[in-house]
Amino acid sequence: MKTIYLSGPIMDETAGEAREWRKEAVRLFGGKFRLLDPMRRKFVDRQVDSANEIVEFDLQDVRDADIILVNYNKPSIGTSMEVFYASHNLGKFVVAFSPFEYKDCSPWMARFCTKIVPGLEEAVNYILTHFSE
């Protein structure tokens, strides 16, 4: 079973915003993939003693994943770093969903996301179509 890391803004999001799309992704994938959700950890943003752990656990999830699913709903340093690391360093397939038109996307996100589609359902369908076993 392939593994997907659920990348997207957490810092400065309400817990509900950061969790809601991830819960919906779980429902849409219907158990066909193993999903790695960084929200499963109980770290608190901006606590210096947990910053290194947050980053290292997230990078480990990126390394463990076959595919990265990205919520690109706003600029996010952590999300951008995960996308760059996954794509450039590890050669992973990165599928993003975003409300932004292509012309409004960061050139970095446009370059390092393999595919950007308008919504979560489209992203899930794209992955199901191309990566289901």
Protein backbone atom coordinates (compact mmCIF):
# COMPACT_ATOMS: atom_id res chain seq x y z
CA MET A 1 0.00 0.00 0.00
CA LYS A 2 1.41 3.39 -1.02
CA THR A 3 1.84 6.11 1.60
CA ILE A 4 0.75 9.75 1.26
CA TYR A 5 1.95 12.61 3.46
CA LEU A 6 -0.68 15.31 4.07
CA SER A 7 1.24 18.57 3.81
CA GLY A 8 -0.32 21.95 4.44
CA PRO A 9 -0.41 24.95 6.75
CA ILE A 10 -0.67 24.26 10.47
CA MET A 11 1.00 27.27 12.07
CA ASP A 12 -1.42 30.19 12.40
CA GLU A 13 -4.33 28.00 11.31
CA THR A 14 -7.06 27.15 13.74
CA ALA A 15 -6.94 23.49 14.72
CA GLY A 16 -10.20 22.98 12.85
CA GLU A 17 -8.87 24.44 9.59
CA ALA A 18 -5.71 22.36 9.75
CA ARG A 19 -7.62 19.16 10.54
CA GLU A 20 -10.76 19.47 8.43
CA TRP A 21 -9.25 18.95 4.98
CA ARG A 22 -7.10 16.11 6.30
CA LYS A 23 -10.18 14.33 7.69
CA GLU A 24 -11.88 14.79 4.33
CA ALA A 25 -8.83 13.34 2.56
CA VAL A 26 -9.04 10.25 4.78
CA ARG A 27 -12.70 9.85 3.81
CA LEU A 28 -12.07 10.39 0.08
CA PHE A 29 -9.17 7.93 -0.10
CA GLY A 30 -11.31 5.28 1.61
CA GLY A 31 -8.43 3.25 3.00
CA LYS A 32 -6.73 2.75 -0.39
CA PHE A 33 -3.56 4.50 0.81
CA ARG A 34 -1.74 4.84 4.12
CA LEU A 35 -1.99 8.50 5.13
CA LEU A 36 0.55 10.31 7.30
CA ASP A 37 -1.08 13.24 9.09
CA PRO A 38 1.29 15.58 10.97
CA MET A 39 -1.66 16.66 13.15
CA ARG A 40 -1.47 13.28 14.91
CA ARG A 41 1.32 14.75 17.03
CA LYS A 42 0.57 17.00 19.99
CA PHE A 43 3.23 19.69 19.55
CA VAL A 44 2.53 23.36 20.12
CA ASP A 45 3.78 25.90 17.57
CA ARG A 46 6.33 28.46 18.71
CA GLN A 47 7.65 26.40 21.60
CA VAL A 48 11.39 26.47 21.14
CA ASP A 49 11.94 23.13 22.82
CA SER A 50 9.67 21.38 20.28
CA ALA A 51 10.68 23.21 17.07
CA ASN A 52 13.42 20.75 16.07
CA GLU A 53 11.16 17.80 16.83
CA ILE A 54 8.31 19.23 14.74
CA VAL A 55 10.57 19.70 11.73
CA GLU A 56 12.33 16.36 12.03
CA PHE A 57 9.12 14.37 12.48
CA ASP A 58 7.60 16.12 9.44
CA LEU A 59 10.71 15.48 7.34
CA GLN A 60 10.65 11.82 8.40
CA ASP A 61 7.03 11.61 7.21
CA VAL A 62 8.07 13.14 3.87
CA ARG A 63 10.86 10.55 3.57
CA ASP A 64 8.44 7.72 4.44
CA ALA A 65 5.81 8.83 1.92
CA ASP A 66 5.54 7.77 -1.71
CA ILE A 67 3.41 10.81 -2.64
CA ILE A 68 2.96 14.23 -1.05
CA LEU A 69 -0.55 15.74 -1.05
CA VAL A 70 -0.38 19.49 -0.45
CA ASN A 71 -3.01 21.96 0.64
CA TYR A 72 -1.65 25.14 -0.98
CA ASN A 73 -4.38 27.44 0.28
CA LYS A 74 -1.98 30.17 1.44
CA PRO A 75 1.75 30.80 1.63
CA SER A 76 3.35 28.64 4.31
CA ILE A 77 7.04 28.38 4.99
CA GLY A 78 6.80 24.86 6.42
CA THR A 79 4.65 23.59 3.55
CA SER A 80 7.00 25.15 1.00
CA MET A 81 10.01 23.57 2.67
CA GLU A 82 8.32 20.15 2.66
CA VAL A 83 7.44 20.51 -1.04
CA PHE A 84 10.99 21.52 -1.96
CA TYR A 85 12.54 18.74 0.13
CA ALA A 86 10.18 16.11 -1.28
CA SER A 87 10.52 17.14 -4.91
CA HIS A 88 14.06 18.44 -5.25
CA ASN A 89 15.91 16.33 -2.70
CA LEU A 90 13.93 13.09 -2.82
CA GLY A 91 12.33 13.10 -6.28
CA LYS A 92 8.83 12.50 -4.84
CA PHE A 93 5.61 13.08 -6.73
CA VAL A 94 3.90 16.17 -5.24
CA VAL A 95 0.19 16.81 -5.91
CA ALA A 96 -1.19 20.12 -4.65
CA PHE A 97 -4.66 21.58 -4.56
CA SER A 98 -5.05 25.32 -4.49
CA PRO A 99 -7.62 28.08 -4.95
CA PHE A 100 -4.95 30.12 -6.76
CA GLU A 101 -4.86 30.38 -10.52
CA TYR A 102 -1.54 29.31 -11.97
CA LYS A 103 -0.49 32.93 -12.59
CA ASP A 104 -1.01 33.67 -8.88
CA CYS A 105 1.01 30.70 -7.61
CA SER A 106 4.47 31.19 -6.20
CA PRO A 107 6.99 30.24 -8.90
CA TRP A 108 8.60 27.97 -6.31
CA MET A 109 5.38 26.08 -5.69
CA ALA A 110 4.63 25.91 -9.42
CA ARG A 111 8.13 24.54 -10.06
CA PHE A 112 8.31 21.97 -7.26
CA CYS A 113 4.73 20.67 -7.22
CA THR A 114 4.39 18.03 -9.89
CA LYS A 115 0.70 18.82 -10.36
CA ILE A 116 -1.56 21.59 -9.04
CA VAL A 117 -5.33 21.20 -9.28
CA PRO A 118 -8.15 23.45 -8.00
CA GLY A 119 -9.56 21.28 -5.20
CA LEU A 120 -9.05 18.40 -2.79
CA GLU A 121 -11.45 16.07 -4.61
CA GLU A 122 -9.59 16.64 -7.89
CA ALA A 123 -6.27 15.95 -6.18
CA VAL A 124 -7.57 12.73 -4.61
CA ASN A 125 -9.08 11.60 -7.93
CA TYR A 126 -5.79 12.36 -9.69
CA ILE A 127 -3.89 10.22 -7.18
CA LEU A 128 -6.48 7.43 -7.30
CA THR A 129 -6.31 7.41 -11.10
CA HIS A 130 -2.54 7.37 -11.38
CA PHE A 131 -1.33 5.56 -8.25
CA SER A 132 -3.94 3.00 -7.19
CA GLU A 133 -2.58 -0.51 -7.12
